[in-house]
Amino acid sequence: MRYGSPESHEITCSKCGKKATVPFKPTEGRAVYCQECFKVERQNRRPF
């Protein structure tokens, strides 16, 4: 188990192309979003 600050990884948003950092290692082949696009995607997602 790790404690302290999470490791940051630089990403390019899959939706808008903006550079951002995320506190996790992105999985290859999966979309990753900046904070603004993540909020929009989350609101547009249908519940299961």
Protein backbone atom coordinates (compact mmCIF):
# COMPACT_ATOMS: atom_id res chain seq x y z
CA MET A 1 0.00 0.00 0.00
CA ARG A 2 1.31 3.45 -0.90
CA TYR A 3 0.91 6.59 1.15
CA GLY A 4 1.45 10.25 0.31
CA SER A 5 0.84 12.12 -2.90
CA PRO A 6 -0.26 10.06 -5.89
CA GLU A 7 2.00 9.95 -8.91
CA SER A 8 0.88 12.34 -11.68
CA HIS A 9 0.87 11.40 -15.36
CA GLU A 10 0.59 13.85 -18.24
CA ILE A 11 -2.18 13.07 -20.71
CA THR A 12 -3.78 14.55 -23.81
CA CYS A 13 -7.55 14.73 -23.44
CA SER A 14 -9.32 12.30 -25.78
CA LYS A 15 -12.11 14.79 -26.41
CA CYS A 16 -10.57 18.28 -26.69
CA GLY A 17 -6.84 17.56 -27.07
CA LYS A 18 -5.86 19.69 -24.07
CA LYS A 19 -2.82 18.67 -22.01
CA ALA A 20 -3.62 17.73 -18.41
CA THR A 21 -2.33 15.61 -15.54
CA VAL A 22 -4.10 12.73 -13.85
CA PRO A 23 -3.32 10.94 -10.55
CA PHE A 24 -3.27 7.48 -12.19
CA LYS A 25 -1.46 5.69 -15.00
CA PRO A 26 -3.79 5.73 -18.03
CA THR A 27 -4.68 2.38 -19.56
CA GLU A 28 -3.65 2.07 -23.19
CA GLY A 29 -6.63 1.94 -25.53
CA ARG A 30 -9.04 3.69 -23.13
CA ALA A 31 -10.18 7.30 -23.42
CA VAL A 32 -8.89 9.71 -20.80
CA TYR A 33 -10.29 13.21 -20.28
CA CYS A 34 -9.23 16.55 -18.82
CA GLN A 35 -11.20 17.75 -15.80
CA GLU A 36 -13.68 19.83 -17.84
CA CYS A 37 -14.44 17.09 -20.39
CA PHE A 38 -14.67 14.46 -17.64
CA LYS A 39 -17.45 16.47 -15.97
CA VAL A 40 -19.38 16.67 -19.27
CA GLU A 41 -18.88 12.97 -20.02
CA ARG A 42 -19.99 12.04 -16.51
CA GLN A 43 -23.19 14.13 -16.82
CA ASN A 44 -24.00 12.62 -20.23
CA ARG A 45 -23.46 9.02 -19.08
CA ARG A 46 -26.65 7.04 -18.67
CA PRO A 47 -27.17 5.11 -15.43
CA PHE A 48 -27.02 1.33 -15.70
